[in-house]
N, C-alpha and C. Protein backbone atom coordinates (compact mmCIF):
# COMPACT_ATOMS: atom_id res chain seq x y z
N UNK A 1 89.68 100.39 74.29
CA UNK A 1 88.09 100.35 74.32
C UNK A 1 87.92 99.10 75.36
N UNK A 2 88.66 97.99 75.07
CA UNK A 2 88.58 96.74 75.75
C UNK A 2 88.76 97.12 77.29
N UNK A 3 89.43 98.09 77.60
CA UNK A 3 89.50 98.31 79.27
C UNK A 3 88.33 99.02 79.72
N UNK A 4 87.73 99.66 78.71
CA UNK A 4 86.50 100.36 78.96
C UNK A 4 85.25 99.51 79.30
N UNK A 5 85.32 98.63 78.66
CA UNK A 5 84.38 97.45 78.35
C UNK A 5 84.71 96.59 79.67
N UNK A 6 85.96 96.05 80.00
CA UNK A 6 85.74 95.35 81.08
C UNK A 6 85.49 96.21 82.39
N UNK A 7 85.68 97.40 82.33
CA UNK A 7 85.46 98.01 83.68
C UNK A 7 83.81 98.30 84.02
N UNK A 8 82.92 98.43 82.69
CA UNK A 8 81.70 98.29 82.60
C UNK A 8 81.16 96.93 83.16
N UNK A 9 81.62 96.03 82.80
CA UNK A 9 81.49 94.62 83.08
C UNK A 9 81.61 94.49 84.22
N UNK A 10 82.64 94.88 84.79
CA UNK A 10 83.04 94.76 86.32
C UNK A 10 82.09 95.48 87.19
N UNK A 11 81.48 96.74 86.75
CA UNK A 11 80.59 97.43 87.92
C UNK A 11 79.41 96.75 87.72
N UNK A 12 78.84 96.29 86.57
CA UNK A 12 77.70 95.81 86.33
C UNK A 12 77.64 94.62 87.24
N UNK A 13 78.44 93.70 87.15
CA UNK A 13 78.30 92.49 88.26
C UNK A 13 78.52 93.06 89.74
N UNK A 14 78.94 93.76 89.74
CA UNK A 14 79.12 94.12 91.51
C UNK A 14 77.77 94.97 91.80
N UNK A 15 77.23 95.47 90.82
CA UNK A 15 75.89 96.16 90.83
C UNK A 15 75.01 94.96 91.28
N UNK A 16 74.97 93.97 90.38
CA UNK A 16 73.67 92.95 90.51
C UNK A 16 74.23 92.02 91.74
N UNK A 17 75.38 92.29 92.39
CA UNK A 17 75.75 91.17 93.48
C UNK A 17 75.17 91.63 94.46
N UNK A 18 74.66 93.22 94.84
CA UNK A 18 74.23 93.70 95.74
C UNK A 18 72.25 93.49 95.92
N UNK A 19 72.09 93.23 94.97
CA UNK A 19 70.58 92.85 95.21
C UNK A 19 70.10 91.32 95.45
N UNK A 20 69.48 91.54 96.40
CA UNK A 20 68.67 90.29 96.89
C UNK A 20 68.02 89.30 95.93
N UNK A 21 68.20 88.19 95.49
CA UNK A 21 67.31 87.50 94.43
C UNK A 21 67.20 85.91 95.58
N UNK A 22 65.79 86.25 96.21
CA UNK A 22 65.26 85.09 96.57
C UNK A 22 64.33 84.62 95.33
N UNK A 23 64.53 83.13 95.33
CA UNK A 23 63.62 82.04 94.43
C UNK A 23 62.11 82.11 94.99
N UNK A 24 61.17 82.11 94.27
CA UNK A 24 59.82 82.07 94.71
C UNK A 24 59.08 81.14 93.52
N UNK A 25 58.36 80.12 94.12
CA UNK A 25 57.46 79.25 93.18
C UNK A 25 56.47 79.90 92.39
N UNK A 26 56.07 81.01 92.66
CA UNK A 26 55.15 81.76 91.69
C UNK A 26 55.16 83.34 92.14
N UNK A 27 54.55 84.01 91.06
CA UNK A 27 54.94 85.39 91.27
C UNK A 27 54.01 86.02 92.02
N UNK A 28 52.75 85.46 92.57
CA UNK A 28 52.10 85.66 93.83
C UNK A 28 52.91 86.08 95.09
N UNK A 29 53.75 84.94 95.46
CA UNK A 29 54.79 85.02 96.58
C UNK A 29 55.68 86.24 96.45
N UNK A 30 56.33 86.51 95.17
CA UNK A 30 57.13 87.20 94.77
C UNK A 30 56.72 88.62 95.18
N UNK A 31 55.29 89.03 94.59
CA UNK A 31 54.66 90.45 94.92
C UNK A 31 54.24 90.47 95.97
N UNK A 32 53.78 89.48 96.73
CA UNK A 32 53.78 89.65 98.58
C UNK A 32 55.02 89.86 99.23
N UNK A 33 56.18 89.39 98.94
CA UNK A 33 57.34 89.57 99.33
C UNK A 33 57.78 91.07 99.35
N UNK A 34 57.74 91.64 97.98
CA UNK A 34 57.81 93.09 97.88
C UNK A 34 57.21 93.92 98.48
N UNK A 35 55.70 93.56 98.81
CA UNK A 35 54.73 94.56 99.40
C UNK A 35 54.96 94.36 100.98
N UNK A 36 55.43 93.15 101.43
CA UNK A 36 55.95 93.30 102.72
C UNK A 36 57.05 94.01 102.87
N UNK A 37 57.96 93.74 102.26
CA UNK A 37 59.35 94.35 102.46
C UNK A 37 59.30 96.15 102.01
N UNK A 38 58.31 96.33 101.16
CA UNK A 38 58.11 97.84 101.53
C UNK A 38 57.48 98.31 102.54
N UNK A 39 56.40 97.59 103.00
CA UNK A 39 56.01 98.02 104.26
C UNK A 39 56.46 98.17 105.30
N UNK A 40 57.62 97.42 105.69
CA UNK A 40 58.06 97.00 106.74
C UNK A 40 59.29 98.13 106.70
N UNK A 41 59.69 98.64 107.90
CA UNK A 41 60.71 99.71 107.92
C UNK A 41 62.14 99.17 108.71
N UNK A 42 63.49 99.59 108.14
CA UNK A 42 64.50 98.68 108.57
C UNK A 42 64.94 99.57 110.01
N UNK A 43 65.22 98.49 111.01
CA UNK A 43 65.25 98.91 112.41
C UNK A 43 66.09 99.81 112.24
N UNK A 44 67.28 99.48 111.85
CA UNK A 44 68.57 100.26 111.88
C UNK A 44 68.43 101.73 111.27
N UNK A 45 68.05 101.57 110.14
CA UNK A 45 67.95 103.06 109.36
C UNK A 45 66.67 104.26 109.90
N UNK A 46 66.84 105.26 109.98
CA UNK A 46 65.94 106.00 110.19
C UNK A 46 64.33 106.06 109.81
N UNK A 47 64.18 106.05 108.53
CA UNK A 47 63.18 106.17 107.51
C UNK A 47 63.14 105.32 106.41
N UNK A 48 63.95 104.16 106.46
CA UNK A 48 63.95 103.59 105.15
C UNK A 48 63.20 102.37 104.95
N UNK A 49 62.55 101.64 104.33
CA UNK A 49 62.00 100.41 104.57
C UNK A 49 62.81 99.47 104.03
N UNK A 50 62.59 98.20 104.17
CA UNK A 50 63.34 96.72 103.99
C UNK A 50 63.99 96.82 103.00
N UNK A 51 63.15 97.01 101.85
CA UNK A 51 63.69 97.03 100.25
C UNK A 51 64.71 98.13 99.91
N UNK A 52 64.72 99.21 100.65
CA UNK A 52 65.59 100.46 100.21
C UNK A 52 66.94 100.19 100.96
N UNK A 53 67.00 99.36 102.05
CA UNK A 53 68.10 99.58 103.11
C UNK A 53 69.32 98.75 102.38
N UNK A 54 70.45 98.81 102.67
CA UNK A 54 71.46 97.93 102.53
C UNK A 54 71.96 97.45 103.72
N UNK A 55 71.43 97.85 104.83
CA UNK A 55 72.08 97.25 106.11
C UNK A 55 71.84 95.90 106.41
N UNK A 56 72.85 95.13 107.25
CA UNK A 56 72.82 93.88 107.42
C UNK A 56 71.44 93.24 108.16
N UNK A 57 71.07 94.02 109.01
CA UNK A 57 69.89 93.73 109.47
C UNK A 57 68.49 93.81 108.30
N UNK A 58 68.34 94.57 107.49
CA UNK A 58 67.53 94.45 106.47
C UNK A 58 67.69 93.45 105.76
N UNK A 59 68.91 92.86 105.36
CA UNK A 59 68.97 91.70 104.24
C UNK A 59 68.60 90.67 105.15
N UNK A 60 68.92 90.50 106.56
CA UNK A 60 68.35 89.24 107.13
C UNK A 60 66.86 89.25 107.42
N UNK A 61 66.09 90.60 107.55
CA UNK A 61 64.64 90.69 107.64
C UNK A 61 64.21 90.24 106.21
N UNK A 62 64.71 90.57 105.14
CA UNK A 62 64.30 90.24 104.10
C UNK A 62 64.26 88.56 103.54
N UNK A 63 65.26 88.21 104.48
CA UNK A 63 65.27 86.80 104.17
C UNK A 63 64.41 85.78 104.97
N UNK A 64 64.21 86.59 106.49
CA UNK A 64 63.11 86.24 107.17
C UNK A 64 61.79 85.98 106.81
N UNK A 65 61.31 87.37 105.90
CA UNK A 65 60.25 87.64 105.36
C UNK A 65 59.97 86.20 104.09
N UNK A 66 60.99 86.33 103.37
CA UNK A 66 61.03 85.16 102.31
C UNK A 66 60.57 83.84 103.02
N UNK A 67 61.41 83.35 104.20
CA UNK A 67 61.20 81.96 104.35
C UNK A 67 59.91 81.93 105.33
N UNK A 68 59.47 82.80 105.86
CA UNK A 68 58.01 83.06 106.45
C UNK A 68 56.89 82.73 105.22
N UNK A 69 57.02 83.23 103.98
CA UNK A 69 56.22 83.14 102.82
C UNK A 69 56.26 81.64 102.35
N UNK A 70 57.36 81.12 102.25
CA UNK A 70 57.61 79.86 101.55
C UNK A 70 57.01 78.79 102.69
N UNK A 71 56.94 79.20 104.20
CA UNK A 71 56.25 78.22 105.07
C UNK A 71 54.80 78.55 105.12
N UNK A 72 54.05 79.51 104.29
CA UNK A 72 52.93 79.61 103.85
C UNK A 72 52.21 80.55 104.90
N UNK A 73 52.83 80.91 105.58
CA UNK A 73 52.11 82.44 106.65
C UNK A 73 51.78 83.41 105.51
N UNK A 74 50.41 83.76 106.32
CA UNK A 74 50.01 84.97 105.90
C UNK A 74 50.63 86.37 106.02
N UNK A 75 50.30 87.11 105.11
CA UNK A 75 50.60 88.71 105.31
C UNK A 75 50.57 89.19 106.87
N UNK A 76 49.30 88.87 107.38
CA UNK A 76 49.32 89.36 108.68
C UNK A 76 50.05 88.52 109.69
N UNK A 77 50.15 87.35 109.57
CA UNK A 77 50.85 86.51 110.45
C UNK A 77 52.40 87.04 109.95
N UNK A 78 53.01 87.56 109.23
CA UNK A 78 54.41 87.67 109.04
C UNK A 78 54.47 89.07 109.88
N UNK A 79 53.51 90.33 109.61
CA UNK A 79 53.56 91.43 110.15
C UNK A 79 53.29 91.36 111.52
N UNK A 80 52.69 90.42 112.06
CA UNK A 80 52.72 90.02 113.70
C UNK A 80 53.52 89.72 114.37
N UNK A 81 54.85 88.91 113.28
CA UNK A 81 55.82 88.32 114.01
C UNK A 81 57.23 89.38 113.70
N UNK A 82 57.01 90.09 113.08
CA UNK A 82 57.91 91.10 112.87
C UNK A 82 57.86 92.24 113.97
N UNK A 83 56.31 92.33 114.00
CA UNK A 83 55.78 93.48 115.52
C UNK A 83 56.25 93.10 116.83
N UNK A 84 56.10 91.56 117.09
CA UNK A 84 56.59 90.97 118.25
C UNK A 84 58.26 91.08 118.34
N UNK A 85 58.77 91.11 117.23
CA UNK A 85 59.97 91.31 117.71
C UNK A 85 60.76 92.48 117.91
N UNK A 86 60.36 93.41 116.75
CA UNK A 86 60.60 94.91 116.74
C UNK A 86 59.93 95.89 117.14
N UNK A 87 58.76 95.84 117.60
CA UNK A 87 57.74 96.81 118.10
C UNK A 87 57.20 97.66 116.74
N UNK A 88 56.56 98.45 117.55
CA UNK A 88 56.01 99.49 116.63
C UNK A 88 56.74 100.14 115.53
N UNK A 89 58.14 100.50 115.86
CA UNK A 89 58.74 101.08 115.02
C UNK A 89 59.11 100.31 113.47
N UNK A 90 58.66 99.21 113.24
CA UNK A 90 59.16 98.66 112.14
C UNK A 90 57.64 98.66 111.26
N UNK A 91 56.84 99.19 111.95
CA UNK A 91 55.55 98.85 110.92
C UNK A 91 55.42 100.50 110.51
N UNK A 92 55.61 100.73 109.09
CA UNK A 92 54.92 102.03 108.83
C UNK A 92 53.56 102.56 109.29
N UNK A 93 52.62 101.56 109.48
CA UNK A 93 51.27 101.66 109.64
C UNK A 93 50.86 101.41 111.36
N UNK A 94 51.47 101.73 112.30
CA UNK A 94 51.06 101.47 113.54
C UNK A 94 49.97 101.18 113.83
N UNK A 95 49.97 100.15 114.85
CA UNK A 95 48.55 99.44 115.22
C UNK A 95 47.97 100.63 116.00
N UNK A 96 46.81 100.78 115.91
CA UNK A 96 45.69 101.14 116.91
C UNK A 96 45.82 100.88 118.12
N UNK A 97 46.37 101.60 119.16
CA UNK A 97 46.59 101.08 120.62
C UNK A 97 46.41 102.40 121.59
N UNK A 98 46.56 102.15 122.74
CA UNK A 98 46.95 103.44 123.79
C UNK A 98 48.03 104.05 123.42
N UNK A 99 49.38 103.67 122.88
CA UNK A 99 50.44 104.23 122.80
C UNK A 99 50.56 104.96 121.54
N UNK A 100 49.86 104.65 120.59
CA UNK A 100 49.88 105.01 119.32
C UNK A 100 48.28 105.79 118.98
N UNK A 101 47.60 106.34 119.76
CA UNK A 101 46.34 106.84 119.79
C UNK A 101 46.61 108.66 119.49
N UNK A 102 47.80 108.84 120.20
CA UNK A 102 48.03 110.50 119.88
C UNK A 102 48.88 110.53 118.28
N UNK A 103 49.59 109.18 118.20
CA UNK A 103 50.09 109.41 116.62
C UNK A 103 49.03 109.47 115.40
N UNK A 104 47.93 108.80 115.98
CA UNK A 104 46.89 108.70 114.49
C UNK A 104 45.66 109.80 114.57
N UNK A 105 45.54 110.59 115.88
CA UNK A 105 44.48 111.25 115.78
C UNK A 105 44.85 112.80 116.50
N UNK A 106 46.49 112.81 116.52
CA UNK A 106 46.87 114.04 117.33
C UNK A 106 46.54 115.29 116.25
N UNK A 107 47.08 114.65 114.75
CA UNK A 107 47.09 115.83 113.91
C UNK A 107 45.41 116.58 113.65
N UNK A 108 44.73 115.43 113.84
CA UNK A 108 43.26 115.90 113.50
C UNK A 108 42.82 117.06 114.90
N UNK A 109 43.10 116.18 116.14
CA UNK A 109 42.91 117.18 117.51
C UNK A 109 43.53 118.76 117.15
N UNK A 110 44.84 118.76 116.90
CA UNK A 110 45.46 119.80 116.62
C UNK A 110 44.77 120.61 115.40
N UNK A 111 44.33 120.11 114.22
CA UNK A 111 43.69 120.49 113.53
C UNK A 111 42.39 121.29 114.06
N UNK A 112 41.66 120.49 114.70
CA UNK A 112 40.20 120.95 115.35
C UNK A 112 40.61 122.33 116.23
N UNK A 113 41.56 122.24 116.85
CA UNK A 113 41.89 123.38 118.12
C UNK A 113 42.35 124.38 117.16
N UNK A 114 43.01 124.37 116.02
CA UNK A 114 43.58 125.54 115.16
C UNK A 114 42.40 126.33 114.77
N UNK A 115 41.11 125.45 114.04
CA UNK A 115 40.54 125.91 113.43
C UNK A 115 39.24 126.69 114.28
N UNK A 116 39.13 126.27 115.55
CA UNK A 116 38.36 126.75 116.72
C UNK A 116 38.94 128.10 116.88
N UNK A 117 40.28 128.06 117.31
CA UNK A 117 41.00 129.46 117.52
C UNK A 117 40.57 130.55 116.61
N UNK A 118 41.09 130.20 115.37
CA UNK A 118 40.76 131.23 114.23
C UNK A 118 39.44 131.50 114.23
N UNK A 119 38.44 130.67 113.87
CA UNK A 119 36.99 131.25 114.24
C UNK A 119 36.83 132.05 115.39
N UNK A 120 37.48 131.97 116.79
CA UNK A 120 37.01 132.54 117.40
C UNK A 120 37.68 134.32 117.61
N UNK A 121 38.91 133.91 116.79
CA UNK A 121 39.62 135.55 116.48
C UNK A 121 38.92 136.14 115.66
N UNK A 122 38.42 135.53 114.46
CA UNK A 122 37.50 136.15 113.35
C UNK A 122 36.03 136.88 114.15
N UNK A 123 35.41 136.01 115.01
CA UNK A 123 34.08 136.36 115.49
C UNK A 123 34.42 137.69 116.53
N UNK A 124 35.43 137.52 117.14
CA UNK A 124 35.79 138.77 118.15
C UNK A 124 36.36 139.92 117.51
N UNK A 125 36.88 139.82 116.24
CA UNK A 125 37.58 141.08 115.29
C UNK A 125 36.09 141.57 115.20
N UNK A 126 35.23 140.82 114.20
CA UNK A 126 33.90 141.13 113.85
C UNK A 126 33.00 142.16 114.81
N UNK A 127 33.02 141.63 115.94
CA UNK A 127 32.04 142.31 117.20
C UNK A 127 32.86 143.38 117.79
N UNK A 128 34.12 143.41 117.61
CA UNK A 128 34.92 144.66 118.25
C UNK A 128 34.74 145.81 117.37
N UNK A 129 33.66 146.84 117.10
CA UNK A 129 33.45 147.69 116.42
C UNK A 129 33.82 149.15 117.33
N UNK A 130 34.25 149.96 117.15
CA UNK A 130 34.53 151.35 117.82
C UNK A 130 33.65 151.99 117.58
N UNK A 131 32.72 152.49 118.87
CA UNK A 131 31.86 153.81 118.46
C UNK A 131 32.43 154.87 119.05
N UNK A 132 31.94 156.12 118.38
CA UNK A 132 32.40 157.35 118.44
C UNK A 132 31.35 158.40 118.68
N UNK A 133 31.39 159.45 119.41
CA UNK A 133 30.43 160.19 119.19
C UNK A 133 30.74 161.39 118.68
N UNK A 134 29.86 162.21 118.30
CA UNK A 134 29.95 163.52 117.24
C UNK A 134 31.12 164.43 117.58
N UNK A 135 31.92 164.55 118.97
CA UNK A 135 32.87 165.28 119.18
C UNK A 135 34.35 164.47 118.36
N UNK A 136 34.03 163.41 118.84
CA UNK A 136 35.48 162.45 118.39
C UNK A 136 35.55 162.29 116.99
N UNK A 137 34.44 162.13 116.39
CA UNK A 137 34.12 162.47 114.67
C UNK A 137 34.93 163.52 114.34
N UNK A 138 34.53 164.74 114.60
CA UNK A 138 34.72 165.79 114.39
C UNK A 138 36.30 165.95 114.63
N UNK A 139 36.85 165.46 115.46
CA UNK A 139 38.48 165.49 116.00
C UNK A 139 39.12 164.70 115.25
N UNK A 140 38.74 163.74 114.53
CA UNK A 140 39.32 162.53 113.93
C UNK A 140 39.33 163.33 112.62
N UNK A 141 38.37 163.78 112.04
CA UNK A 141 38.08 164.87 110.51
C UNK A 141 39.50 165.98 110.70
N UNK A 142 39.32 166.53 111.88
CA UNK A 142 40.29 167.72 111.82
C UNK A 142 41.94 167.27 111.94
N UNK A 143 42.15 166.17 112.47
CA UNK A 143 43.43 165.35 112.58
C UNK A 143 43.71 164.94 111.09
N UNK A 144 42.97 164.10 110.24
CA UNK A 144 43.16 163.64 109.21
C UNK A 144 43.11 164.64 107.68
N UNK A 145 42.69 165.80 108.20
CA UNK A 145 42.54 166.74 107.10
C UNK A 145 41.35 166.56 106.31
N UNK A 146 40.38 165.94 106.50
CA UNK A 146 39.44 165.47 106.02
C UNK A 146 38.39 166.60 106.62
N UNK A 147 37.37 166.89 105.46
CA UNK A 147 36.11 167.94 106.18
C UNK A 147 34.74 167.43 105.77
């Protein structure tokens, strides 16, 4: 029983050591830190924010965000700093500019094109009615067995 207790104690200590603990003078800065590291993407990971990544660069960037917050930088200044160092990839919401225009409005343009094509197909189907004369109607009835 003691061995099991020591095993749980050891595992809980190692799990707590992996969590970054940064001291903040107030809860507002702690909340801003959490919001920023949730909003920034890890440059090494494919699709993980800084809060969820265990990579070394994510740890360094969390520490950098902490330092900038303690220096009194605003959220926008911190995002600008990270953007200048790592580019569009680090932001989950890339800024609207020439290079990201397709990213922001591409899905809307594709939706409009798809709706246009769908409406066009429906209109042309509705207008394509087959006209038959009496002889063709009689032949159709004969072939289908309906009199």
